[in-house]
Amino acid sequence: MSRAGKVLGFTEKVLIFLTAFVAVILFNAFIAPEISINASFWFKSGDYVSLIIVIAETFVVGTILRSLVVWTFKMQFERK
């Protein structure tokens, strides 16, 4: 079992990935909407490509957030 599995429960993991999903949606909607538009232009299946991009970004951001949370917990436990 990974370190994240020992430190974080299921609820914490779900909340982290929901936070990542919201962050990706807000990023794609307001900061960089041209990324999805360009992907739709280059690939004929437009909507599916945008969905795949959002899902991939969500997993990347969620993994980074999970690592940061685990690292923070680890640092707090090492101080005590």
N, C-alpha and C. Protein backbone atom coordinates (compact mmCIF):
# COMPACT_ATOMS: atom_id res chain seq x y z
N MET A 1 0.85 -1.18 0.00
CA MET A 1 0.00 0.00 0.00
C MET A 1 0.89 1.24 0.00
N SER A 2 0.50 2.21 -0.79
CA SER A 2 1.32 3.42 -0.89
C SER A 2 1.18 4.28 0.37
N ARG A 3 2.06 5.24 0.46
CA ARG A 3 2.04 6.17 1.60
C ARG A 3 0.72 6.94 1.64
N ALA A 4 0.20 7.32 0.46
CA ALA A 4 -1.07 8.06 0.41
C ALA A 4 -2.21 7.21 0.94
N GLY A 5 -2.16 5.91 0.68
CA GLY A 5 -3.20 5.03 1.18
C GLY A 5 -3.20 4.92 2.68
N LYS A 6 -2.04 5.06 3.30
CA LYS A 6 -1.95 4.98 4.75
C LYS A 6 -2.34 6.28 5.42
N VAL A 7 -2.04 7.41 4.80
CA VAL A 7 -2.29 8.71 5.41
C VAL A 7 -3.70 9.19 5.13
N LEU A 8 -4.15 9.04 3.89
CA LEU A 8 -5.45 9.57 3.49
C LEU A 8 -6.51 8.48 3.42
N GLY A 9 -7.70 8.83 3.88
CA GLY A 9 -8.82 7.93 3.74
C GLY A 9 -9.51 8.13 2.40
N PHE A 10 -10.53 7.34 2.14
CA PHE A 10 -11.24 7.42 0.87
C PHE A 10 -11.88 8.78 0.68
N THR A 11 -12.49 9.32 1.73
CA THR A 11 -13.16 10.62 1.63
C THR A 11 -12.18 11.72 1.27
N GLU A 12 -11.00 11.71 1.87
CA GLU A 12 -10.00 12.73 1.56
C GLU A 12 -9.55 12.63 0.11
N LYS A 13 -9.36 11.40 -0.38
CA LYS A 13 -8.95 11.22 -1.77
C LYS A 13 -10.03 11.72 -2.73
N VAL A 14 -11.29 11.43 -2.43
CA VAL A 14 -12.38 11.89 -3.28
C VAL A 14 -12.45 13.42 -3.28
N LEU A 15 -12.32 14.03 -2.11
CA LEU A 15 -12.35 15.49 -2.03
C LEU A 15 -11.18 16.12 -2.79
N ILE A 16 -10.02 15.51 -2.73
CA ILE A 16 -8.87 16.04 -3.47
C ILE A 16 -9.14 15.99 -4.97
N PHE A 17 -9.67 14.87 -5.47
CA PHE A 17 -9.92 14.78 -6.90
C PHE A 17 -11.10 15.64 -7.33
N LEU A 18 -12.09 15.85 -6.48
CA LEU A 18 -13.16 16.80 -6.81
C LEU A 18 -12.62 18.22 -6.88
N THR A 19 -11.73 18.57 -5.96
CA THR A 19 -11.09 19.88 -5.99
C THR A 19 -10.28 20.04 -7.27
N ALA A 20 -9.56 19.00 -7.64
CA ALA A 20 -8.77 19.04 -8.88
C ALA A 20 -9.68 19.20 -10.09
N PHE A 21 -10.81 18.50 -10.10
CA PHE A 21 -11.75 18.60 -11.22
C PHE A 21 -12.29 20.01 -11.35
N VAL A 22 -12.69 20.61 -10.24
CA VAL A 22 -13.20 21.99 -10.27
C VAL A 22 -12.11 22.94 -10.73
N ALA A 23 -10.88 22.74 -10.26
CA ALA A 23 -9.77 23.60 -10.67
C ALA A 23 -9.52 23.49 -12.17
N VAL A 24 -9.57 22.29 -12.70
CA VAL A 24 -9.34 22.10 -14.14
C VAL A 24 -10.47 22.73 -14.95
N ILE A 25 -11.70 22.55 -14.51
CA ILE A 25 -12.84 23.14 -15.22
C ILE A 25 -12.73 24.66 -15.22
N LEU A 26 -12.44 25.25 -14.07
CA LEU A 26 -12.30 26.71 -14.00
C LEU A 26 -11.12 27.19 -14.84
N PHE A 27 -10.02 26.47 -14.82
CA PHE A 27 -8.86 26.84 -15.63
C PHE A 27 -9.22 26.81 -17.12
N ASN A 28 -9.87 25.73 -17.55
CA ASN A 28 -10.22 25.61 -18.96
C ASN A 28 -11.30 26.61 -19.38
N ALA A 29 -12.18 26.97 -18.47
CA ALA A 29 -13.26 27.88 -18.83
C ALA A 29 -12.83 29.34 -18.87
N PHE A 30 -11.98 29.74 -17.93
CA PHE A 30 -11.68 31.16 -17.81
C PHE A 30 -10.26 31.55 -18.21
N ILE A 31 -9.28 30.73 -17.90
CA ILE A 31 -7.90 31.13 -18.13
C ILE A 31 -7.41 30.68 -19.51
N ALA A 32 -7.69 29.46 -19.89
CA ALA A 32 -7.17 28.94 -21.15
C ALA A 32 -8.24 28.22 -21.97
N PRO A 33 -9.29 28.92 -22.37
CA PRO A 33 -10.33 28.23 -23.15
C PRO A 33 -9.85 27.83 -24.54
N GLU A 34 -8.80 28.48 -25.05
CA GLU A 34 -8.32 28.15 -26.40
C GLU A 34 -7.68 26.78 -26.47
N ILE A 35 -7.28 26.19 -25.35
CA ILE A 35 -6.67 24.86 -25.38
C ILE A 35 -7.68 23.84 -25.88
N SER A 36 -8.88 23.85 -25.34
CA SER A 36 -9.90 22.89 -25.77
C SER A 36 -10.36 23.19 -27.19
N ILE A 37 -10.45 24.48 -27.53
CA ILE A 37 -10.87 24.85 -28.89
C ILE A 37 -9.85 24.36 -29.90
N ASN A 38 -8.56 24.56 -29.61
CA ASN A 38 -7.52 24.10 -30.54
C ASN A 38 -7.52 22.58 -30.65
N ALA A 39 -7.71 21.89 -29.55
CA ALA A 39 -7.76 20.43 -29.61
C ALA A 39 -8.95 19.97 -30.45
N SER A 40 -10.09 20.66 -30.31
CA SER A 40 -11.27 20.31 -31.09
C SER A 40 -11.04 20.58 -32.57
N PHE A 41 -10.26 21.61 -32.87
CA PHE A 41 -10.00 21.95 -34.27
C PHE A 41 -9.11 20.90 -34.93
N TRP A 42 -8.09 20.44 -34.21
CA TRP A 42 -7.14 19.52 -34.81
C TRP A 42 -7.68 18.10 -34.89
N PHE A 43 -8.57 17.73 -34.00
CA PHE A 43 -9.13 16.39 -34.02
C PHE A 43 -10.60 16.49 -34.40
N LYS A 44 -11.04 15.58 -35.24
CA LYS A 44 -12.42 15.65 -35.75
C LYS A 44 -13.47 15.30 -34.70
N SER A 45 -13.12 14.56 -33.68
CA SER A 45 -14.10 14.14 -32.69
C SER A 45 -14.21 15.13 -31.54
N GLY A 46 -13.94 16.39 -31.79
CA GLY A 46 -13.93 17.52 -30.87
C GLY A 46 -14.36 17.34 -29.44
N ASP A 47 -15.62 17.03 -29.20
CA ASP A 47 -16.13 16.97 -27.82
C ASP A 47 -15.45 15.87 -27.01
N TYR A 48 -15.22 14.73 -27.62
CA TYR A 48 -14.57 13.64 -26.89
C TYR A 48 -13.12 13.98 -26.55
N VAL A 49 -12.45 14.67 -27.47
CA VAL A 49 -11.07 15.06 -27.22
C VAL A 49 -11.02 16.04 -26.05
N SER A 50 -11.93 17.00 -26.02
CA SER A 50 -11.98 17.95 -24.90
C SER A 50 -12.24 17.23 -23.58
N LEU A 51 -13.14 16.26 -23.60
CA LEU A 51 -13.44 15.49 -22.40
C LEU A 51 -12.23 14.69 -21.94
N ILE A 52 -11.53 14.08 -22.87
CA ILE A 52 -10.33 13.32 -22.52
C ILE A 52 -9.27 14.24 -21.94
N ILE A 53 -9.12 15.44 -22.51
CA ILE A 53 -8.15 16.40 -21.99
C ILE A 53 -8.49 16.78 -20.56
N VAL A 54 -9.77 17.06 -20.29
CA VAL A 54 -10.19 17.44 -18.94
C VAL A 54 -9.95 16.30 -17.96
N ILE A 55 -10.26 15.07 -18.35
CA ILE A 55 -10.05 13.93 -17.46
C ILE A 55 -8.56 13.74 -17.18
N ALA A 56 -7.74 13.85 -18.21
CA ALA A 56 -6.29 13.69 -18.02
C ALA A 56 -5.73 14.79 -17.12
N GLU A 57 -6.16 16.02 -17.36
CA GLU A 57 -5.70 17.13 -16.51
C GLU A 57 -6.15 16.93 -15.07
N THR A 58 -7.36 16.43 -14.88
CA THR A 58 -7.87 16.20 -13.54
C THR A 58 -7.01 15.19 -12.79
N PHE A 59 -6.63 14.10 -13.45
CA PHE A 59 -5.79 13.10 -12.78
C PHE A 59 -4.41 13.65 -12.47
N VAL A 60 -3.86 14.45 -13.38
CA VAL A 60 -2.53 15.02 -13.13
C VAL A 60 -2.59 15.98 -11.94
N VAL A 61 -3.55 16.91 -11.97
CA VAL A 61 -3.68 17.89 -10.88
C VAL A 61 -4.03 17.18 -9.57
N GLY A 62 -4.92 16.19 -9.63
CA GLY A 62 -5.29 15.44 -8.42
C GLY A 62 -4.12 14.69 -7.82
N THR A 63 -3.29 14.11 -8.67
CA THR A 63 -2.10 13.40 -8.18
C THR A 63 -1.13 14.37 -7.52
N ILE A 64 -0.95 15.53 -8.13
CA ILE A 64 -0.07 16.54 -7.54
C ILE A 64 -0.62 17.01 -6.19
N LEU A 65 -1.92 17.30 -6.13
CA LEU A 65 -2.53 17.73 -4.87
C LEU A 65 -2.41 16.65 -3.80
N ARG A 66 -2.65 15.40 -4.18
CA ARG A 66 -2.55 14.30 -3.22
C ARG A 66 -1.13 14.18 -2.68
N SER A 67 -0.16 14.33 -3.57
CA SER A 67 1.24 14.27 -3.12
C SER A 67 1.56 15.40 -2.16
N LEU A 68 1.04 16.59 -2.44
CA LEU A 68 1.28 17.72 -1.55
C LEU A 68 0.64 17.51 -0.19
N VAL A 69 -0.57 16.96 -0.18
CA VAL A 69 -1.25 16.71 1.09
C VAL A 69 -0.50 15.66 1.90
N VAL A 70 -0.07 14.59 1.24
CA VAL A 70 0.68 13.54 1.94
C VAL A 70 1.99 14.10 2.47
N TRP A 71 2.68 14.91 1.67
CA TRP A 71 3.94 15.53 2.11
C TRP A 71 3.70 16.43 3.31
N THR A 72 2.59 17.20 3.30
CA THR A 72 2.27 18.07 4.42
C THR A 72 2.02 17.26 5.69
N PHE A 73 1.24 16.18 5.58
CA PHE A 73 1.01 15.31 6.74
C PHE A 73 2.32 14.73 7.25
N LYS A 74 3.16 14.30 6.33
CA LYS A 74 4.44 13.72 6.72
C LYS A 74 5.29 14.73 7.48
N MET A 75 5.34 15.97 7.01
CA MET A 75 6.12 17.01 7.68
C MET A 75 5.55 17.32 9.07
N GLN A 76 4.23 17.32 9.20
CA GLN A 76 3.62 17.59 10.50
C GLN A 76 3.94 16.48 11.49
N PHE A 77 3.92 15.23 11.06
CA PHE A 77 4.20 14.12 11.96
C PHE A 77 5.67 14.05 12.33
N GLU A 78 6.56 14.47 11.43
CA GLU A 78 7.99 14.44 11.73
C GLU A 78 8.38 15.52 12.73
N ARG A 79 7.64 16.62 12.77
CA ARG A 79 7.94 17.70 13.71
C ARG A 79 7.63 17.31 15.14
N LYS A 80 6.63 16.46 15.32
CA LYS A 80 6.18 16.12 16.68
C LYS A 80 7.06 15.07 17.30
